[in-house]
ModelCIF file with pLDDT and N, C-alpha, C, O atoms, coordinates in Angstrom:
data_MODEL
#
_entry.id   MODEL 
#
_entity.id                         1 
_entity.type                       polymer 
_entity.pdbx_number_of_molecules   1 
#
_entity_poly.entity_id                      1 
_entity_poly.type                           'polypeptide(L)' 
_entity_poly.nstd_linkage                   no 
_entity_poly.nstd_monomer                   no 
_entity_poly.pdbx_seq_one_letter_code       
;(UNK)(UNK)(UNK)(UNK)(UNK)(UNK)(UNK)(UNK)(UNK)(UNK)(UNK)(UNK)(UNK)(UNK)(UNK)(UNK)
(UNK)(UNK)(UNK)(UNK)(UNK)(UNK)(UNK)(UNK)(UNK)(UNK)(UNK)(UNK)(UNK)(UNK)(UNK)(UNK)
(UNK)(UNK)(UNK)(UNK)(UNK)(UNK)(UNK)(UNK)(UNK)(UNK)(UNK)(UNK)(UNK)
;
_entity_poly.pdbx_seq_one_letter_code_can   XXXXXXXXXXXXXXXXXXXXXXXXXXXXXXXXXXXXXXXXXXXXX 
_entity_poly.pdbx_strand_id                 A 
#
loop_
_entity_poly_seq.entity_id 
_entity_poly_seq.num 
_entity_poly_seq.mon_id 
_entity_poly_seq.hetero 
1 1  UNK n 
1 2  UNK n 
1 3  UNK n 
1 4  UNK n 
1 5  UNK n 
1 6  UNK n 
1 7  UNK n 
1 8  UNK n 
1 9  UNK n 
1 10 UNK n 
1 11 UNK n 
1 12 UNK n 
1 13 UNK n 
1 14 UNK n 
1 15 UNK n 
1 16 UNK n 
1 17 UNK n 
1 18 UNK n 
1 19 UNK n 
1 20 UNK n 
1 21 UNK n 
1 22 UNK n 
1 23 UNK n 
1 24 UNK n 
1 25 UNK n 
1 26 UNK n 
1 27 UNK n 
1 28 UNK n 
1 29 UNK n 
1 30 UNK n 
1 31 UNK n 
1 32 UNK n 
1 33 UNK n 
1 34 UNK n 
1 35 UNK n 
1 36 UNK n 
1 37 UNK n 
1 38 UNK n 
1 39 UNK n 
1 40 UNK n 
1 41 UNK n 
1 42 UNK n 
1 43 UNK n 
1 44 UNK n 
1 45 UNK n 
#
_struct_asym.id          A 
_struct_asym.entity_id   1 
#
loop_
_ma_qa_metric.id 
_ma_qa_metric.mode 
_ma_qa_metric.name 
_ma_qa_metric.software_group_id 
_ma_qa_metric.type 
1 global pLDDT . pLDDT 
2 local  pLDDT . pLDDT 
#
_ma_qa_metric_global.metric_id      1 
_ma_qa_metric_global.metric_value   89.87 
_ma_qa_metric_global.model_id       1 
_ma_qa_metric_global.ordinal_id     1 
#
loop_
_ma_qa_metric_local.label_asym_id 
_ma_qa_metric_local.label_comp_id 
_ma_qa_metric_local.label_seq_id 
_ma_qa_metric_local.metric_id 
_ma_qa_metric_local.metric_value 
_ma_qa_metric_local.model_id 
_ma_qa_metric_local.ordinal_id 
A UNK 1  2 85.00 1 1  
A UNK 2  2 88.00 1 2  
A UNK 3  2 89.00 1 3  
A UNK 4  2 93.00 1 4  
A UNK 5  2 92.00 1 5  
A UNK 6  2 92.00 1 6  
A UNK 7  2 93.00 1 7  
A UNK 8  2 93.00 1 8  
A UNK 9  2 92.00 1 9  
A UNK 10 2 91.00 1 10 
A UNK 11 2 90.00 1 11 
A UNK 12 2 92.00 1 12 
A UNK 13 2 88.00 1 13 
A UNK 14 2 72.00 1 14 
A UNK 15 2 76.00 1 15 
A UNK 16 2 79.00 1 16 
A UNK 17 2 81.00 1 17 
A UNK 18 2 78.00 1 18 
A UNK 19 2 85.00 1 19 
A UNK 20 2 85.00 1 20 
A UNK 21 2 87.00 1 21 
A UNK 22 2 88.00 1 22 
A UNK 23 2 90.00 1 23 
A UNK 24 2 88.00 1 24 
A UNK 25 2 90.00 1 25 
A UNK 26 2 91.00 1 26 
A UNK 27 2 91.00 1 27 
A UNK 28 2 92.00 1 28 
A UNK 29 2 93.00 1 29 
A UNK 30 2 92.00 1 30 
A UNK 31 2 92.00 1 31 
A UNK 32 2 94.00 1 32 
A UNK 33 2 95.00 1 33 
A UNK 34 2 94.00 1 34 
A UNK 35 2 93.00 1 35 
A UNK 36 2 93.00 1 36 
A UNK 37 2 95.00 1 37 
A UNK 38 2 95.00 1 38 
A UNK 39 2 93.00 1 39 
A UNK 40 2 95.00 1 40 
A UNK 41 2 95.00 1 41 
A UNK 42 2 95.00 1 42 
A UNK 43 2 95.00 1 43 
A UNK 44 2 93.00 1 44 
A UNK 45 2 91.00 1 45 
#
loop_
_atom_site.group_PDB 
_atom_site.id 
_atom_site.type_symbol 
_atom_site.label_atom_id 
_atom_site.label_alt_id 
_atom_site.label_comp_id 
_atom_site.label_asym_id 
_atom_site.label_entity_id 
_atom_site.label_seq_id 
_atom_site.pdbx_PDB_ins_code 
_atom_site.Cartn_x 
_atom_site.Cartn_y 
_atom_site.Cartn_z 
_atom_site.occupancy 
_atom_site.B_iso_or_equiv 
_atom_site.pdbx_formal_charge 
_atom_site.auth_seq_id 
_atom_site.auth_comp_id 
_atom_site.auth_asym_id 
_atom_site.auth_atom_id 
_atom_site.pdbx_PDB_model_num 
ATOM 1   N N  . UNK A 1 1  ? -46.739 168.980 146.206 1.00 85.00 ? 1  UNK A N  1 
ATOM 2   C CA . UNK A 1 1  ? -45.854 167.642 145.674 1.00 85.00 ? 1  UNK A CA 1 
ATOM 3   C C  . UNK A 1 1  ? -46.624 166.098 146.400 1.00 85.00 ? 1  UNK A C  1 
ATOM 4   O O  . UNK A 1 1  ? -46.207 165.754 147.505 1.00 85.00 ? 1  UNK A O  1 
ATOM 5   N N  . UNK A 1 2  ? -47.640 165.313 145.769 1.00 88.00 ? 2  UNK A N  1 
ATOM 6   C CA . UNK A 1 2  ? -47.484 163.792 145.859 1.00 88.00 ? 2  UNK A CA 1 
ATOM 7   C C  . UNK A 1 2  ? -46.863 162.889 145.213 1.00 88.00 ? 2  UNK A C  1 
ATOM 8   O O  . UNK A 1 2  ? -46.820 162.797 143.986 1.00 88.00 ? 2  UNK A O  1 
ATOM 9   N N  . UNK A 1 3  ? -46.372 162.207 145.965 1.00 89.00 ? 3  UNK A N  1 
ATOM 10  C CA . UNK A 1 3  ? -44.626 160.956 145.665 1.00 89.00 ? 3  UNK A CA 1 
ATOM 11  C C  . UNK A 1 3  ? -45.441 160.385 145.221 1.00 89.00 ? 3  UNK A C  1 
ATOM 12  O O  . UNK A 1 3  ? -45.138 160.028 144.083 1.00 89.00 ? 3  UNK A O  1 
ATOM 13  N N  . UNK A 1 4  ? -46.953 159.893 145.696 1.00 93.00 ? 4  UNK A N  1 
ATOM 14  C CA . UNK A 1 4  ? -47.781 159.261 144.670 1.00 93.00 ? 4  UNK A CA 1 
ATOM 15  C C  . UNK A 1 4  ? -49.072 159.497 143.784 1.00 93.00 ? 4  UNK A C  1 
ATOM 16  O O  . UNK A 1 4  ? -50.093 158.810 143.785 1.00 93.00 ? 4  UNK A O  1 
ATOM 17  N N  . UNK A 1 5  ? -48.915 160.137 143.354 1.00 92.00 ? 5  UNK A N  1 
ATOM 18  C CA . UNK A 1 5  ? -49.572 160.667 142.158 1.00 92.00 ? 5  UNK A CA 1 
ATOM 19  C C  . UNK A 1 5  ? -50.431 160.203 140.838 1.00 92.00 ? 5  UNK A C  1 
ATOM 20  O O  . UNK A 1 5  ? -51.483 160.294 140.206 1.00 92.00 ? 5  UNK A O  1 
ATOM 21  N N  . UNK A 1 6  ? -48.994 159.576 140.954 1.00 92.00 ? 6  UNK A N  1 
ATOM 22  C CA . UNK A 1 6  ? -49.422 158.290 139.481 1.00 92.00 ? 6  UNK A CA 1 
ATOM 23  C C  . UNK A 1 6  ? -50.782 157.143 140.234 1.00 92.00 ? 6  UNK A C  1 
ATOM 24  O O  . UNK A 1 6  ? -51.946 156.876 139.937 1.00 92.00 ? 6  UNK A O  1 
ATOM 25  N N  . UNK A 1 7  ? -49.927 156.773 141.197 1.00 93.00 ? 7  UNK A N  1 
ATOM 26  C CA . UNK A 1 7  ? -50.766 155.568 141.882 1.00 93.00 ? 7  UNK A CA 1 
ATOM 27  C C  . UNK A 1 7  ? -52.248 156.203 141.945 1.00 93.00 ? 7  UNK A C  1 
ATOM 28  O O  . UNK A 1 7  ? -53.017 155.704 141.124 1.00 93.00 ? 7  UNK A O  1 
ATOM 29  N N  . UNK A 1 8  ? -52.967 157.537 143.036 1.00 93.00 ? 8  UNK A N  1 
ATOM 30  C CA . UNK A 1 8  ? -53.458 158.599 143.188 1.00 93.00 ? 8  UNK A CA 1 
ATOM 31  C C  . UNK A 1 8  ? -54.166 158.752 142.120 1.00 93.00 ? 8  UNK A C  1 
ATOM 32  O O  . UNK A 1 8  ? -55.374 158.782 142.355 1.00 93.00 ? 8  UNK A O  1 
ATOM 33  N N  . UNK A 1 9  ? -53.830 158.878 140.876 1.00 92.00 ? 9  UNK A N  1 
ATOM 34  C CA . UNK A 1 9  ? -54.249 159.402 139.148 1.00 92.00 ? 9  UNK A CA 1 
ATOM 35  C C  . UNK A 1 9  ? -54.395 158.885 138.566 1.00 92.00 ? 9  UNK A C  1 
ATOM 36  O O  . UNK A 1 9  ? -54.603 159.242 137.407 1.00 92.00 ? 9  UNK A O  1 
ATOM 37  N N  . UNK A 1 10 ? -54.388 157.407 139.041 1.00 91.00 ? 10 UNK A N  1 
ATOM 38  C CA . UNK A 1 10 ? -55.040 155.823 137.877 1.00 91.00 ? 10 UNK A CA 1 
ATOM 39  C C  . UNK A 1 10 ? -56.619 155.431 138.848 1.00 91.00 ? 10 UNK A C  1 
ATOM 40  O O  . UNK A 1 10 ? -57.744 154.939 138.777 1.00 91.00 ? 10 UNK A O  1 
ATOM 41  N N  . UNK A 1 11 ? -55.637 156.088 139.719 1.00 90.00 ? 11 UNK A N  1 
ATOM 42  C CA . UNK A 1 11 ? -57.338 154.791 141.047 1.00 90.00 ? 11 UNK A CA 1 
ATOM 43  C C  . UNK A 1 11 ? -58.561 155.538 141.277 1.00 90.00 ? 11 UNK A C  1 
ATOM 44  O O  . UNK A 1 11 ? -59.674 155.136 141.617 1.00 90.00 ? 11 UNK A O  1 
ATOM 45  N N  . UNK A 1 12 ? -58.088 156.826 141.000 1.00 92.00 ? 12 UNK A N  1 
ATOM 46  C CA . UNK A 1 12 ? -59.138 157.953 140.855 1.00 92.00 ? 12 UNK A CA 1 
ATOM 47  C C  . UNK A 1 12 ? -59.665 158.069 139.146 1.00 92.00 ? 12 UNK A C  1 
ATOM 48  O O  . UNK A 1 12 ? -60.106 156.929 139.290 1.00 92.00 ? 12 UNK A O  1 
ATOM 49  N N  . UNK A 1 13 ? -59.788 158.187 138.633 1.00 88.00 ? 13 UNK A N  1 
ATOM 50  C CA . UNK A 1 13 ? -59.845 157.188 137.164 1.00 88.00 ? 13 UNK A CA 1 
ATOM 51  C C  . UNK A 1 13 ? -60.187 156.831 136.400 1.00 88.00 ? 13 UNK A C  1 
ATOM 52  O O  . UNK A 1 13 ? -60.643 157.043 135.277 1.00 88.00 ? 13 UNK A O  1 
ATOM 53  N N  . UNK A 1 14 ? -59.717 155.578 137.710 1.00 72.00 ? 14 UNK A N  1 
ATOM 54  C CA . UNK A 1 14 ? -60.657 153.906 137.113 1.00 72.00 ? 14 UNK A CA 1 
ATOM 55  C C  . UNK A 1 14 ? -61.821 153.669 136.852 1.00 72.00 ? 14 UNK A C  1 
ATOM 56  O O  . UNK A 1 14 ? -62.622 154.591 136.999 1.00 72.00 ? 14 UNK A O  1 
ATOM 57  N N  . UNK A 1 15 ? -62.237 152.539 136.443 1.00 76.00 ? 15 UNK A N  1 
ATOM 58  C CA . UNK A 1 15 ? -63.103 152.784 136.823 1.00 76.00 ? 15 UNK A CA 1 
ATOM 59  C C  . UNK A 1 15 ? -63.857 152.296 138.142 1.00 76.00 ? 15 UNK A C  1 
ATOM 60  O O  . UNK A 1 15 ? -65.085 152.222 138.099 1.00 76.00 ? 15 UNK A O  1 
ATOM 61  N N  . UNK A 1 16 ? -63.440 152.090 138.861 1.00 79.00 ? 16 UNK A N  1 
ATOM 62  C CA . UNK A 1 16 ? -64.527 151.440 140.365 1.00 79.00 ? 16 UNK A CA 1 
ATOM 63  C C  . UNK A 1 16 ? -65.118 153.199 141.130 1.00 79.00 ? 16 UNK A C  1 
ATOM 64  O O  . UNK A 1 16 ? -66.243 153.548 141.489 1.00 79.00 ? 16 UNK A O  1 
ATOM 65  N N  . UNK A 1 17 ? -63.791 153.956 141.133 1.00 81.00 ? 17 UNK A N  1 
ATOM 66  C CA . UNK A 1 17 ? -64.103 155.791 141.351 1.00 81.00 ? 17 UNK A CA 1 
ATOM 67  C C  . UNK A 1 17 ? -64.624 155.882 139.894 1.00 81.00 ? 17 UNK A C  1 
ATOM 68  O O  . UNK A 1 17 ? -65.652 155.207 139.957 1.00 81.00 ? 17 UNK A O  1 
ATOM 69  N N  . UNK A 1 18 ? -64.548 156.181 139.031 1.00 78.00 ? 18 UNK A N  1 
ATOM 70  C CA . UNK A 1 18 ? -64.557 157.136 137.292 1.00 78.00 ? 18 UNK A CA 1 
ATOM 71  C C  . UNK A 1 18 ? -64.582 158.475 137.699 1.00 78.00 ? 18 UNK A C  1 
ATOM 72  O O  . UNK A 1 18 ? -65.238 159.254 137.008 1.00 78.00 ? 18 UNK A O  1 
ATOM 73  N N  . UNK A 1 19 ? -64.112 158.809 138.489 1.00 85.00 ? 19 UNK A N  1 
ATOM 74  C CA . UNK A 1 19 ? -63.174 160.572 137.849 1.00 85.00 ? 19 UNK A CA 1 
ATOM 75  C C  . UNK A 1 19 ? -63.175 161.178 136.901 1.00 85.00 ? 19 UNK A C  1 
ATOM 76  O O  . UNK A 1 19 ? -62.086 161.103 136.331 1.00 85.00 ? 19 UNK A O  1 
ATOM 77  N N  . UNK A 1 20 ? -64.510 162.310 135.971 1.00 85.00 ? 20 UNK A N  1 
ATOM 78  C CA . UNK A 1 20 ? -63.484 162.576 134.807 1.00 85.00 ? 20 UNK A CA 1 
ATOM 79  C C  . UNK A 1 20 ? -62.101 164.109 135.494 1.00 85.00 ? 20 UNK A C  1 
ATOM 80  O O  . UNK A 1 20 ? -62.237 165.332 135.451 1.00 85.00 ? 20 UNK A O  1 
ATOM 81  N N  . UNK A 1 21 ? -61.192 163.450 135.914 1.00 87.00 ? 21 UNK A N  1 
ATOM 82  C CA . UNK A 1 21 ? -59.913 164.366 135.485 1.00 87.00 ? 21 UNK A CA 1 
ATOM 83  C C  . UNK A 1 21 ? -59.391 165.303 134.220 1.00 87.00 ? 21 UNK A C  1 
ATOM 84  O O  . UNK A 1 21 ? -59.061 164.829 133.133 1.00 87.00 ? 21 UNK A O  1 
ATOM 85  N N  . UNK A 1 22 ? -59.374 166.598 134.521 1.00 88.00 ? 22 UNK A N  1 
ATOM 86  C CA . UNK A 1 22 ? -59.036 167.246 133.604 1.00 88.00 ? 22 UNK A CA 1 
ATOM 87  C C  . UNK A 1 22 ? -58.183 167.679 132.827 1.00 88.00 ? 22 UNK A C  1 
ATOM 88  O O  . UNK A 1 22 ? -58.146 168.157 131.693 1.00 88.00 ? 22 UNK A O  1 
ATOM 89  N N  . UNK A 1 23 ? -56.827 167.188 134.422 1.00 90.00 ? 23 UNK A N  1 
ATOM 90  C CA . UNK A 1 23 ? -55.827 167.835 133.759 1.00 90.00 ? 23 UNK A CA 1 
ATOM 91  C C  . UNK A 1 23 ? -54.369 166.841 134.629 1.00 90.00 ? 23 UNK A C  1 
ATOM 92  O O  . UNK A 1 23 ? -54.958 166.973 135.702 1.00 90.00 ? 23 UNK A O  1 
ATOM 93  N N  . UNK A 1 24 ? -53.800 166.484 134.808 1.00 88.00 ? 24 UNK A N  1 
ATOM 94  C CA . UNK A 1 24 ? -52.181 165.506 135.260 1.00 88.00 ? 24 UNK A CA 1 
ATOM 95  C C  . UNK A 1 24 ? -51.529 166.490 136.128 1.00 88.00 ? 24 UNK A C  1 
ATOM 96  O O  . UNK A 1 24 ? -50.356 166.863 136.127 1.00 88.00 ? 24 UNK A O  1 
ATOM 97  N N  . UNK A 1 25 ? -52.622 166.878 136.953 1.00 90.00 ? 25 UNK A N  1 
ATOM 98  C CA . UNK A 1 25 ? -51.820 167.350 138.194 1.00 90.00 ? 25 UNK A CA 1 
ATOM 99  C C  . UNK A 1 25 ? -52.296 167.104 139.385 1.00 90.00 ? 25 UNK A C  1 
ATOM 100 O O  . UNK A 1 25 ? -53.418 166.599 139.386 1.00 90.00 ? 25 UNK A O  1 
ATOM 101 N N  . UNK A 1 26 ? -51.566 167.390 140.902 1.00 91.00 ? 26 UNK A N  1 
ATOM 102 C CA . UNK A 1 26 ? -51.321 166.265 141.693 1.00 91.00 ? 26 UNK A CA 1 
ATOM 103 C C  . UNK A 1 26 ? -52.834 167.566 142.541 1.00 91.00 ? 26 UNK A C  1 
ATOM 104 O O  . UNK A 1 26 ? -53.643 167.234 143.408 1.00 91.00 ? 26 UNK A O  1 
ATOM 105 N N  . UNK A 1 27 ? -52.717 168.856 141.918 1.00 91.00 ? 27 UNK A N  1 
ATOM 106 C CA . UNK A 1 27 ? -54.318 169.576 143.081 1.00 91.00 ? 27 UNK A CA 1 
ATOM 107 C C  . UNK A 1 27 ? -55.041 169.553 142.733 1.00 91.00 ? 27 UNK A C  1 
ATOM 108 O O  . UNK A 1 27 ? -55.837 170.249 143.364 1.00 91.00 ? 27 UNK A O  1 
ATOM 109 N N  . UNK A 1 28 ? -55.648 168.879 141.521 1.00 92.00 ? 28 UNK A N  1 
ATOM 110 C CA . UNK A 1 28 ? -56.552 167.928 140.870 1.00 92.00 ? 28 UNK A CA 1 
ATOM 111 C C  . UNK A 1 28 ? -57.015 167.045 141.400 1.00 92.00 ? 28 UNK A C  1 
ATOM 112 O O  . UNK A 1 28 ? -58.151 166.686 141.709 1.00 92.00 ? 28 UNK A O  1 
ATOM 113 N N  . UNK A 1 29 ? -55.498 166.491 141.552 1.00 93.00 ? 29 UNK A N  1 
ATOM 114 C CA . UNK A 1 29 ? -56.380 165.324 142.912 1.00 93.00 ? 29 UNK A CA 1 
ATOM 115 C C  . UNK A 1 29 ? -56.577 164.892 143.910 1.00 93.00 ? 29 UNK A C  1 
ATOM 116 O O  . UNK A 1 29 ? -57.099 163.905 144.429 1.00 93.00 ? 29 UNK A O  1 
ATOM 117 N N  . UNK A 1 30 ? -55.613 166.600 144.384 1.00 92.00 ? 30 UNK A N  1 
ATOM 118 C CA . UNK A 1 30 ? -56.112 166.572 146.320 1.00 92.00 ? 30 UNK A CA 1 
ATOM 119 C C  . UNK A 1 30 ? -57.231 167.173 146.451 1.00 92.00 ? 30 UNK A C  1 
ATOM 120 O O  . UNK A 1 30 ? -57.903 167.245 147.480 1.00 92.00 ? 30 UNK A O  1 
ATOM 121 N N  . UNK A 1 31 ? -57.544 167.773 145.062 1.00 92.00 ? 31 UNK A N  1 
ATOM 122 C CA . UNK A 1 31 ? -59.331 168.692 145.301 1.00 92.00 ? 31 UNK A CA 1 
ATOM 123 C C  . UNK A 1 31 ? -60.289 167.220 145.764 1.00 92.00 ? 31 UNK A C  1 
ATOM 124 O O  . UNK A 1 31 ? -61.034 167.204 146.743 1.00 92.00 ? 31 UNK A O  1 
ATOM 125 N N  . UNK A 1 32 ? -60.105 166.220 144.973 1.00 94.00 ? 32 UNK A N  1 
ATOM 126 C CA . UNK A 1 32 ? -61.602 165.468 144.333 1.00 94.00 ? 32 UNK A CA 1 
ATOM 127 C C  . UNK A 1 32 ? -61.398 164.341 145.203 1.00 94.00 ? 32 UNK A C  1 
ATOM 128 O O  . UNK A 1 32 ? -62.209 163.415 145.230 1.00 94.00 ? 32 UNK A O  1 
ATOM 129 N N  . UNK A 1 33 ? -59.367 164.387 146.602 1.00 95.00 ? 33 UNK A N  1 
ATOM 130 C CA . UNK A 1 33 ? -59.501 163.403 147.292 1.00 95.00 ? 33 UNK A CA 1 
ATOM 131 C C  . UNK A 1 33 ? -60.575 164.208 148.698 1.00 95.00 ? 33 UNK A C  1 
ATOM 132 O O  . UNK A 1 33 ? -61.373 163.510 149.324 1.00 95.00 ? 33 UNK A O  1 
ATOM 133 N N  . UNK A 1 34 ? -60.448 165.300 148.914 1.00 94.00 ? 34 UNK A N  1 
ATOM 134 C CA . UNK A 1 34 ? -61.114 167.105 149.994 1.00 94.00 ? 34 UNK A CA 1 
ATOM 135 C C  . UNK A 1 34 ? -62.789 166.764 149.551 1.00 94.00 ? 34 UNK A C  1 
ATOM 136 O O  . UNK A 1 34 ? -63.557 166.533 150.486 1.00 94.00 ? 34 UNK A O  1 
ATOM 137 N N  . UNK A 1 35 ? -63.386 166.733 147.999 1.00 93.00 ? 35 UNK A N  1 
ATOM 138 C CA . UNK A 1 35 ? -64.056 166.175 147.652 1.00 93.00 ? 35 UNK A CA 1 
ATOM 139 C C  . UNK A 1 35 ? -64.350 165.451 148.500 1.00 93.00 ? 35 UNK A C  1 
ATOM 140 O O  . UNK A 1 35 ? -64.525 165.897 149.634 1.00 93.00 ? 35 UNK A O  1 
ATOM 141 N N  . UNK A 1 36 ? -64.529 163.808 148.157 1.00 93.00 ? 36 UNK A N  1 
ATOM 142 C CA . UNK A 1 36 ? -64.407 162.821 147.859 1.00 93.00 ? 36 UNK A CA 1 
ATOM 143 C C  . UNK A 1 36 ? -64.641 162.470 149.881 1.00 93.00 ? 36 UNK A C  1 
ATOM 144 O O  . UNK A 1 36 ? -65.572 161.767 150.273 1.00 93.00 ? 36 UNK A O  1 
ATOM 145 N N  . UNK A 1 37 ? -63.397 163.253 151.079 1.00 95.00 ? 37 UNK A N  1 
ATOM 146 C CA . UNK A 1 37 ? -63.458 163.338 151.776 1.00 95.00 ? 37 UNK A CA 1 
ATOM 147 C C  . UNK A 1 37 ? -64.720 164.423 152.863 1.00 95.00 ? 37 UNK A C  1 
ATOM 148 O O  . UNK A 1 37 ? -64.740 164.545 154.088 1.00 95.00 ? 37 UNK A O  1 
ATOM 149 N N  . UNK A 1 38 ? -65.342 164.851 152.147 1.00 95.00 ? 38 UNK A N  1 
ATOM 150 C CA . UNK A 1 38 ? -66.424 165.954 152.153 1.00 95.00 ? 38 UNK A CA 1 
ATOM 151 C C  . UNK A 1 38 ? -67.678 165.487 152.090 1.00 95.00 ? 38 UNK A C  1 
ATOM 152 O O  . UNK A 1 38 ? -68.316 165.771 153.104 1.00 95.00 ? 38 UNK A O  1 
ATOM 153 N N  . UNK A 1 39 ? -68.329 164.823 151.216 1.00 93.00 ? 39 UNK A N  1 
ATOM 154 C CA . UNK A 1 39 ? -68.773 163.724 150.092 1.00 93.00 ? 39 UNK A CA 1 
ATOM 155 C C  . UNK A 1 39 ? -68.530 162.941 151.890 1.00 93.00 ? 39 UNK A C  1 
ATOM 156 O O  . UNK A 1 39 ? -68.590 163.450 153.009 1.00 93.00 ? 39 UNK A O  1 
ATOM 157 N N  . UNK A 1 40 ? -68.330 161.930 151.550 1.00 95.00 ? 40 UNK A N  1 
ATOM 158 C CA . UNK A 1 40 ? -68.744 160.945 152.642 1.00 95.00 ? 40 UNK A CA 1 
ATOM 159 C C  . UNK A 1 40 ? -69.038 161.526 154.057 1.00 95.00 ? 40 UNK A C  1 
ATOM 160 O O  . UNK A 1 40 ? -70.204 161.519 154.450 1.00 95.00 ? 40 UNK A O  1 
ATOM 161 N N  . UNK A 1 41 ? -68.207 161.947 154.720 1.00 95.00 ? 41 UNK A N  1 
ATOM 162 C CA . UNK A 1 41 ? -69.081 162.948 155.917 1.00 95.00 ? 41 UNK A CA 1 
ATOM 163 C C  . UNK A 1 41 ? -69.817 164.089 155.944 1.00 95.00 ? 41 UNK A C  1 
ATOM 164 O O  . UNK A 1 41 ? -70.123 164.911 156.807 1.00 95.00 ? 41 UNK A O  1 
ATOM 165 N N  . UNK A 1 42 ? -70.007 163.949 154.886 1.00 95.00 ? 42 UNK A N  1 
ATOM 166 C CA . UNK A 1 42 ? -71.849 165.224 154.728 1.00 95.00 ? 42 UNK A CA 1 
ATOM 167 C C  . UNK A 1 42 ? -73.194 163.798 154.788 1.00 95.00 ? 42 UNK A C  1 
ATOM 168 O O  . UNK A 1 42 ? -74.364 163.867 155.165 1.00 95.00 ? 42 UNK A O  1 
ATOM 169 N N  . UNK A 1 43 ? -72.351 162.534 154.216 1.00 95.00 ? 43 UNK A N  1 
ATOM 170 C CA . UNK A 1 43 ? -73.133 161.394 154.706 1.00 95.00 ? 43 UNK A CA 1 
ATOM 171 C C  . UNK A 1 43 ? -73.659 160.543 155.590 1.00 95.00 ? 43 UNK A C  1 
ATOM 172 O O  . UNK A 1 43 ? -74.753 159.988 155.689 1.00 95.00 ? 43 UNK A O  1 
ATOM 173 N N  . UNK A 1 44 ? -72.396 160.548 156.386 1.00 93.00 ? 44 UNK A N  1 
ATOM 174 C CA . UNK A 1 44 ? -72.544 159.857 157.455 1.00 93.00 ? 44 UNK A CA 1 
ATOM 175 C C  . UNK A 1 44 ? -72.617 161.246 158.682 1.00 93.00 ? 44 UNK A C  1 
ATOM 176 O O  . UNK A 1 44 ? -73.510 161.093 159.515 1.00 93.00 ? 44 UNK A O  1 
ATOM 177 N N  . UNK A 1 45 ? -72.256 161.795 158.745 1.00 91.00 ? 45 UNK A N  1 
ATOM 178 C CA . UNK A 1 45 ? -73.143 163.654 160.296 1.00 91.00 ? 45 UNK A CA 1 
ATOM 179 C C  . UNK A 1 45 ? -74.714 163.215 159.802 1.00 91.00 ? 45 UNK A C  1 
ATOM 180 O O  . UNK A 1 45 ? -75.692 163.813 160.250 1.00 91.00 ? 45 UNK A O  1 
#
């Protein structure tokens, strides 16, 4: 349950990030945030 789901959803869909979000659920937003974190960590490590 994300209290700040609308802000994160808009941020991820915005032109800067540009994720294609298929649903309007916090679960998908959370999945994308984890994916983004994993991608960043793979590049760093």
